[in-house]
Amino acid sequence: METSFKFPKLDVDNYGTWSLDMKNLLAYKGWYSAIDEDEEEVDPVIDRQARALIGLCVADHNKLCLLYTSRRG
């Protein structure tokens, strides 16, 4: 059974609530390891899935910033 979630896309004024919603959604999907800084190695499939989901949840005018970010800095 698929559950749908709806919350505002990341924008300039909602990072606090967006990041909490995103952490909870990634945990629900089993992809939290992609953002967990304590994880030494992350399954590449989980990493791609998490990045794709995060990218879909960012306001369009902020998406170019994602091209220059990585998990490790």
PDB file of N, CA and C in Angstrom:
ATOM      1  N   MET A   1       0.842  -1.185   0.000  1.00  0.00           N
ATOM      2  CA  MET A   1       0.000   0.000   0.000  1.00  0.00           C
ATOM      3  C   MET A   1       0.885   1.245   0.000  1.00  0.00           C
ATOM      4  N   GLU A   2       0.681   2.085  -0.968  1.00  0.00           N
ATOM      5  CA  GLU A   2       1.464   3.319  -1.091  1.00  0.00           C
ATOM      6  C   GLU A   2       0.754   4.441  -0.339  1.00  0.00           C
ATOM      7  N   THR A   3       1.506   5.154   0.442  1.00  0.00           N
ATOM      8  CA  THR A   3       0.980   6.308   1.172  1.00  0.00           C
ATOM      9  C   THR A   3       1.515   7.562   0.505  1.00  0.00           C
ATOM     10  N   SER A   4       0.671   8.543   0.300  1.00  0.00           N
ATOM     11  CA  SER A   4       1.150   9.785  -0.314  1.00  0.00           C
ATOM     12  C   SER A   4       1.380  10.835   0.768  1.00  0.00           C
ATOM     13  N   PHE A   5       2.380  11.662   0.514  1.00  0.00           N
ATOM     14  CA  PHE A   5       2.739  12.736   1.425  1.00  0.00           C
ATOM     15  C   PHE A   5       2.722  14.032   0.643  1.00  0.00           C
ATOM     16  N   LYS A   6       2.300  15.073   1.296  1.00  0.00           N
ATOM     17  CA  LYS A   6       2.295  16.376   0.635  1.00  0.00           C
ATOM     18  C   LYS A   6       2.810  17.414   1.620  1.00  0.00           C
ATOM     19  N   PHE A   7       3.877  18.083   1.229  1.00  0.00           N
ATOM     20  CA  PHE A   7       4.368  19.219   1.987  1.00  0.00           C
ATOM     21  C   PHE A   7       5.012  20.188   1.009  1.00  0.00           C
ATOM     22  N   PRO A   8       5.113  21.458   1.388  1.00  0.00           N
ATOM     23  CA  PRO A   8       5.643  22.462   0.459  1.00  0.00           C
ATOM     24  C   PRO A   8       7.081  22.142   0.029  1.00  0.00           C
ATOM     25  N   LYS A   9       7.396  22.508  -1.200  1.00  0.00           N
ATOM     26  CA  LYS A   9       8.766  22.350  -1.691  1.00  0.00           C
ATOM     27  C   LYS A   9       9.693  23.298  -0.950  1.00  0.00           C
ATOM     28  N   LEU A  10      10.950  22.922  -0.851  1.00  0.00           N
ATOM     29  CA  LEU A  10      11.950  23.762  -0.196  1.00  0.00           C
ATOM     30  C   LEU A  10      12.065  25.092  -0.918  1.00  0.00           C
ATOM     31  N   ASP A  11      12.007  26.154  -0.137  1.00  0.00           N
ATOM     32  CA  ASP A  11      12.149  27.499  -0.677  1.00  0.00           C
ATOM     33  C   ASP A  11      12.926  28.334   0.329  1.00  0.00           C
ATOM     34  N   VAL A  12      13.043  29.607   0.098  1.00  0.00           N
ATOM     35  CA  VAL A  12      13.899  30.464   0.916  1.00  0.00           C
ATOM     36  C   VAL A  12      13.430  30.625   2.355  1.00  0.00           C
ATOM     37  N   ASP A  13      12.169  30.344   2.634  1.00  0.00           N
ATOM     38  CA  ASP A  13      11.653  30.634   3.971  1.00  0.00           C
ATOM     39  C   ASP A  13      11.081  29.439   4.735  1.00  0.00           C
ATOM     40  N   ASN A  14      11.370  28.216   4.292  1.00  0.00           N
ATOM     41  CA  ASN A  14      10.762  27.074   4.980  1.00  0.00           C
ATOM     42  C   ASN A  14      11.726  25.918   5.249  1.00  0.00           C
ATOM     43  N   TYR A  15      13.021  26.196   5.294  1.00  0.00           N
ATOM     44  CA  TYR A  15      13.985  25.113   5.460  1.00  0.00           C
ATOM     45  C   TYR A  15      13.738  24.300   6.734  1.00  0.00           C
ATOM     46  N   GLY A  16      13.441  24.938   7.840  1.00  0.00           N
ATOM     47  CA  GLY A  16      13.281  24.224   9.114  1.00  0.00           C
ATOM     48  C   GLY A  16      12.223  23.146   9.052  1.00  0.00           C
ATOM     49  N   THR A  17      11.032  23.502   8.620  1.00  0.00           N
ATOM     50  CA  THR A  17       9.962  22.504   8.554  1.00  0.00           C
ATOM     51  C   THR A  17      10.178  21.538   7.397  1.00  0.00           C
ATOM     52  N   TRP A  18      10.689  22.031   6.262  1.00  0.00           N
ATOM     53  CA  TRP A  18      10.938  21.164   5.116  1.00  0.00           C
ATOM     54  C   TRP A  18      11.956  20.090   5.467  1.00  0.00           C
ATOM     55  N   SER A  19      13.034  20.457   6.148  1.00  0.00           N
ATOM     56  CA  SER A  19      14.075  19.472   6.454  1.00  0.00           C
ATOM     57  C   SER A  19      13.549  18.398   7.405  1.00  0.00           C
ATOM     58  N   LEU A  20      12.722  18.772   8.351  1.00  0.00           N
ATOM     59  CA  LEU A  20      12.133  17.778   9.249  1.00  0.00           C
ATOM     60  C   LEU A  20      11.189  16.853   8.478  1.00  0.00           C
ATOM     61  N   ASP A  21      10.366  17.425   7.616  1.00  0.00           N
ATOM     62  CA  ASP A  21       9.483  16.600   6.786  1.00  0.00           C
ATOM     63  C   ASP A  21      10.291  15.660   5.897  1.00  0.00           C
ATOM     64  N   MET A  22      11.363  16.168   5.295  1.00  0.00           N
ATOM     65  CA  MET A  22      12.180  15.352   4.397  1.00  0.00           C
ATOM     66  C   MET A  22      12.884  14.234   5.158  1.00  0.00           C
ATOM     67  N   LYS A  23      13.430  14.528   6.331  1.00  0.00           N
ATOM     68  CA  LYS A  23      14.071  13.483   7.141  1.00  0.00           C
ATOM     69  C   LYS A  23      13.077  12.384   7.485  1.00  0.00           C
ATOM     70  N   ASN A  24      11.867  12.771   7.853  1.00  0.00           N
ATOM     71  CA  ASN A  24      10.850  11.781   8.177  1.00  0.00           C
ATOM     72  C   ASN A  24      10.449  10.964   6.956  1.00  0.00           C
ATOM     73  N   LEU A  25      10.335  11.606   5.807  1.00  0.00           N
ATOM     74  CA  LEU A  25       9.974  10.885   4.589  1.00  0.00           C
ATOM     75  C   LEU A  25      11.088   9.922   4.173  1.00  0.00           C
ATOM     76  N   LEU A  26      12.335  10.360   4.251  1.00  0.00           N
ATOM     77  CA  LEU A  26      13.450   9.475   3.921  1.00  0.00           C
ATOM     78  C   LEU A  26      13.512   8.293   4.879  1.00  0.00           C
ATOM     79  N   ALA A  27      13.259   8.540   6.151  1.00  0.00           N
ATOM     80  CA  ALA A  27      13.239   7.446   7.131  1.00  0.00           C
ATOM     81  C   ALA A  27      12.111   6.473   6.813  1.00  0.00           C
ATOM     82  N   TYR A  28      10.944   6.978   6.481  1.00  0.00           N
ATOM     83  CA  TYR A  28       9.799   6.139   6.144  1.00  0.00           C
ATOM     84  C   TYR A  28      10.111   5.236   4.950  1.00  0.00           C
ATOM     85  N   LYS A  29      10.807   5.788   3.955  1.00  0.00           N
ATOM     86  CA  LYS A  29      11.135   5.035   2.752  1.00  0.00           C
ATOM     87  C   LYS A  29      12.338   4.107   2.938  1.00  0.00           C
ATOM     88  N   GLY A  30      13.035   4.226   4.078  1.00  0.00           N
ATOM     89  CA  GLY A  30      14.215   3.399   4.302  1.00  0.00           C
ATOM     90  C   GLY A  30      15.471   3.950   3.656  1.00  0.00           C
ATOM     91  N   TRP A  31      15.474   5.218   3.345  1.00  0.00           N
ATOM     92  CA  TRP A  31      16.596   5.853   2.650  1.00  0.00           C
ATOM     93  C   TRP A  31      17.350   6.846   3.532  1.00  0.00           C
ATOM     94  N   TYR A  32      17.105   6.831   4.824  1.00  0.00           N
ATOM     95  CA  TYR A  32      17.721   7.811   5.718  1.00  0.00           C
ATOM     96  C   TYR A  32      19.248   7.737   5.705  1.00  0.00           C
ATOM     97  N   SER A  33      19.786   6.564   5.439  1.00  0.00           N
ATOM     98  CA  SER A  33      21.248   6.416   5.437  1.00  0.00           C
ATOM     99  C   SER A  33      21.911   7.353   4.436  1.00  0.00           C
ATOM    100  N   ALA A  34      21.177   7.785   3.421  1.00  0.00           N
ATOM    101  CA  ALA A  34      21.745   8.693   2.412  1.00  0.00           C
ATOM    102  C   ALA A  34      22.090  10.061   2.995  1.00  0.00           C
ATOM    103  N   ILE A  35      21.449  10.434   4.090  1.00  0.00           N
ATOM    104  CA  ILE A  35      21.738  11.742   4.694  1.00  0.00           C
ATOM    105  C   ILE A  35      22.340  11.631   6.089  1.00  0.00           C
ATOM    106  N   ASP A  36      22.464  10.429   6.592  1.00  0.00           N
ATOM    107  CA  ASP A  36      22.993  10.205   7.938  1.00  0.00           C
ATOM    108  C   ASP A  36      24.508  10.339   7.917  1.00  0.00           C
ATOM    109  N   GLU A  37      25.020  11.366   8.571  1.00  0.00           N
ATOM    110  CA  GLU A  37      26.465  11.624   8.552  1.00  0.00           C
ATOM    111  C   GLU A  37      27.268  10.556   9.290  1.00  0.00           C
ATOM    112  N   ASP A  38      26.618   9.758  10.121  1.00  0.00           N
ATOM    113  CA  ASP A  38      27.312   8.683  10.830  1.00  0.00           C
ATOM    114  C   ASP A  38      27.520   7.441   9.954  1.00  0.00           C
ATOM    115  N   GLU A  39      26.834   7.381   8.825  1.00  0.00           N
ATOM    116  CA  GLU A  39      26.983   6.248   7.909  1.00  0.00           C
ATOM    117  C   GLU A  39      28.282   6.394   7.122  1.00  0.00           C
ATOM    118  N   GLU A  40      29.107   5.374   7.190  1.00  0.00           N
ATOM    119  CA  GLU A  40      30.367   5.402   6.434  1.00  0.00           C
ATOM    120  C   GLU A  40      30.127   5.157   4.949  1.00  0.00           C
ATOM    121  N   GLU A  41      29.328   4.152   4.627  1.00  0.00           N
ATOM    122  CA  GLU A  41      29.058   3.790   3.241  1.00  0.00           C
ATOM    123  C   GLU A  41      27.561   3.719   3.036  1.00  0.00           C
ATOM    124  N   VAL A  42      27.112   4.201   1.900  1.00  0.00           N
ATOM    125  CA  VAL A  42      25.700   4.186   1.573  1.00  0.00           C
ATOM    126  C   VAL A  42      25.516   3.415   0.274  1.00  0.00           C
ATOM    127  N   ASP A  43      24.520   2.573   0.246  1.00  0.00           N
ATOM    128  CA  ASP A  43      24.184   1.841  -0.974  1.00  0.00           C
ATOM    129  C   ASP A  43      23.937   2.862  -2.088  1.00  0.00           C
ATOM    130  N   PRO A  44      24.595   2.723  -3.241  1.00  0.00           N
ATOM    131  CA  PRO A  44      24.449   3.705  -4.312  1.00  0.00           C
ATOM    132  C   PRO A  44      23.007   3.837  -4.827  1.00  0.00           C
ATOM    133  N   VAL A  45      22.241   2.757  -4.782  1.00  0.00           N
ATOM    134  CA  VAL A  45      20.848   2.824  -5.221  1.00  0.00           C
ATOM    135  C   VAL A  45      20.039   3.689  -4.256  1.00  0.00           C
ATOM    136  N   ILE A  46      20.231   3.474  -2.966  1.00  0.00           N
ATOM    137  CA  ILE A  46      19.537   4.280  -1.958  1.00  0.00           C
ATOM    138  C   ILE A  46      19.946   5.746  -2.092  1.00  0.00           C
ATOM    139  N   ASP A  47      21.220   5.985  -2.323  1.00  0.00           N
ATOM    140  CA  ASP A  47      21.699   7.361  -2.483  1.00  0.00           C
ATOM    141  C   ASP A  47      21.018   8.044  -3.665  1.00  0.00           C
ATOM    142  N   ARG A  48      20.936   7.361  -4.811  1.00  0.00           N
ATOM    143  CA  ARG A  48      20.282   7.936  -5.995  1.00  0.00           C
ATOM    144  C   ARG A  48      18.797   8.176  -5.749  1.00  0.00           C
ATOM    145  N   GLN A  49      18.139   7.224  -5.094  1.00  0.00           N
ATOM    146  CA  GLN A  49      16.709   7.378  -4.821  1.00  0.00           C
ATOM    147  C   GLN A  49      16.459   8.566  -3.896  1.00  0.00           C
ATOM    148  N   ALA A  50      17.266   8.685  -2.866  1.00  0.00           N
ATOM    149  CA  ALA A  50      17.107   9.795  -1.924  1.00  0.00           C
ATOM    150  C   ALA A  50      17.370  11.128  -2.618  1.00  0.00           C
ATOM    151  N   ARG A  51      18.421  11.197  -3.430  1.00  0.00           N
ATOM    152  CA  ARG A  51      18.726  12.440  -4.153  1.00  0.00           C
ATOM    153  C   ARG A  51      17.603  12.820  -5.114  1.00  0.00           C
ATOM    154  N   ALA A  52      17.037  11.822  -5.774  1.00  0.00           N
ATOM    155  CA  ALA A  52      15.932  12.091  -6.698  1.00  0.00           C
ATOM    156  C   ALA A  52      14.735  12.648  -5.948  1.00  0.00           C
ATOM    157  N   LEU A  53      14.401  12.034  -4.825  1.00  0.00           N
ATOM    158  CA  LEU A  53      13.267  12.518  -4.036  1.00  0.00           C
ATOM    159  C   LEU A  53      13.511  13.939  -3.532  1.00  0.00           C
ATOM    160  N   ILE A  54      14.698  14.187  -3.018  1.00  0.00           N
ATOM    161  CA  ILE A  54      15.033  15.531  -2.535  1.00  0.00           C
ATOM    162  C   ILE A  54      14.931  16.535  -3.678  1.00  0.00           C
ATOM    163  N   GLY A  55      15.455  16.185  -4.840  1.00  0.00           N
ATOM    164  CA  GLY A  55      15.394  17.082  -5.993  1.00  0.00           C
ATOM    165  C   GLY A  55      13.975  17.425  -6.415  1.00  0.00           C
ATOM    166  N   LEU A  56      13.076  16.464  -6.290  1.00  0.00           N
ATOM    167  CA  LEU A  56      11.679  16.706  -6.638  1.00  0.00           C
ATOM    168  C   LEU A  56      10.973  17.592  -5.622  1.00  0.00           C
ATOM    169  N   CYS A  57      11.559  17.720  -4.453  1.00  0.00           N
ATOM    170  CA  CYS A  57      10.924  18.479  -3.362  1.00  0.00           C
ATOM    171  C   CYS A  57      11.585  19.828  -3.122  1.00  0.00           C
ATOM    172  N   VAL A  58      12.254  20.350  -4.138  1.00  0.00           N
ATOM    173  CA  VAL A  58      12.905  21.660  -4.072  1.00  0.00           C
ATOM    174  C   VAL A  58      12.242  22.566  -5.107  1.00  0.00           C
ATOM    175  N   ALA A  59      11.981  23.798  -4.724  1.00  0.00           N
ATOM    176  CA  ALA A  59      11.379  24.765  -5.656  1.00  0.00           C
ATOM    177  C   ALA A  59      12.240  24.887  -6.906  1.00  0.00           C
ATOM    178  N   ASP A  60      11.590  25.032  -8.045  1.00  0.00           N
ATOM    179  CA  ASP A  60      12.293  25.036  -9.329  1.00  0.00           C
ATOM    180  C   ASP A  60      13.454  26.027  -9.386  1.00  0.00           C
ATOM    181  N   HIS A  61      13.270  27.223  -8.854  1.00  0.00           N
ATOM    182  CA  HIS A  61      14.325  28.239  -8.970  1.00  0.00           C
ATOM    183  C   HIS A  61      15.531  27.935  -8.081  1.00  0.00           C
ATOM    184  N   ASN A  62      15.461  26.902  -7.241  1.00  0.00           N
ATOM    185  CA  ASN A  62      16.601  26.513  -6.404  1.00  0.00           C
ATOM    186  C   ASN A  62      17.286  25.235  -6.884  1.00  0.00           C
ATOM    187  N   LYS A  63      16.781  24.611  -7.925  1.00  0.00           N
ATOM    188  CA  LYS A  63      17.301  23.307  -8.346  1.00  0.00           C
ATOM    189  C   LYS A  63      18.735  23.346  -8.861  1.00  0.00           C
ATOM    190  N   LEU A  64      19.175  24.452  -9.430  1.00  0.00           N
ATOM    191  CA  LEU A  64      20.557  24.511  -9.914  1.00  0.00           C
ATOM    192  C   LEU A  64      21.558  24.331  -8.785  1.00  0.00           C
ATOM    193  N   CYS A  65      21.190  24.720  -7.579  1.00  0.00           N
ATOM    194  CA  CYS A  65      22.080  24.550  -6.424  1.00  0.00           C
ATOM    195  C   CYS A  65      22.385  23.078  -6.168  1.00  0.00           C
ATOM    196  N   LEU A  66      21.461  22.202  -6.529  1.00  0.00           N
ATOM    197  CA  LEU A  66      21.662  20.776  -6.289  1.00  0.00           C
ATOM    198  C   LEU A  66      22.772  20.188  -7.155  1.00  0.00           C
ATOM    199  N   LEU A  67      23.071  20.827  -8.262  1.00  0.00           N
ATOM    200  CA  LEU A  67      24.122  20.315  -9.141  1.00  0.00           C
ATOM    201  C   LEU A  67      25.496  20.365  -8.483  1.00  0.00           C
ATOM    202  N   TYR A  68      25.656  21.239  -7.506  1.00  0.00           N
ATOM    203  CA  TYR A  68      26.960  21.457  -6.917  1.00  0.00           C
ATOM    204  C   TYR A  68      27.073  20.939  -5.491  1.00  0.00           C
ATOM    205  N   THR A  69      26.155  20.076  -5.075  1.00  0.00           N
ATOM    206  CA  THR A  69      26.208  19.544  -3.718  1.00  0.00           C
ATOM    207  C   THR A  69      26.466  18.047  -3.769  1.00  0.00           C
ATOM    208  N   SER A  70      27.025  17.550  -2.695  1.00  0.00           N
ATOM    209  CA  SER A  70      27.240  16.116  -2.570  1.00  0.00           C
ATOM    210  C   SER A  70      26.985  15.723  -1.128  1.00  0.00           C
ATOM    211  N   ARG A  71      26.888  14.449  -0.887  1.00  0.00           N
ATOM    212  CA  ARG A  71      26.597  13.935   0.445  1.00  0.00           C
ATOM    213  C   ARG A  71      27.697  14.324   1.449  1.00  0.00           C
ATOM    214  N   ARG A  72      28.894  14.334   1.022  1.00  0.00           N
ATOM    215  CA  ARG A  72      30.030  14.577   1.904  1.00  0.00           C
ATOM    216  C   ARG A  72      30.537  16.006   1.871  1.00  0.00           C
ATOM    217  N   GLY A  73      29.762  16.906   1.319  1.00  0.00           N
ATOM    218  CA  GLY A  73      30.178  18.296   1.369  1.00  0.00           C
ATOM    219  C   GLY A  73      30.220  18.875   0.056  1.00  0.00           C
TER     220      GLY A  73
END
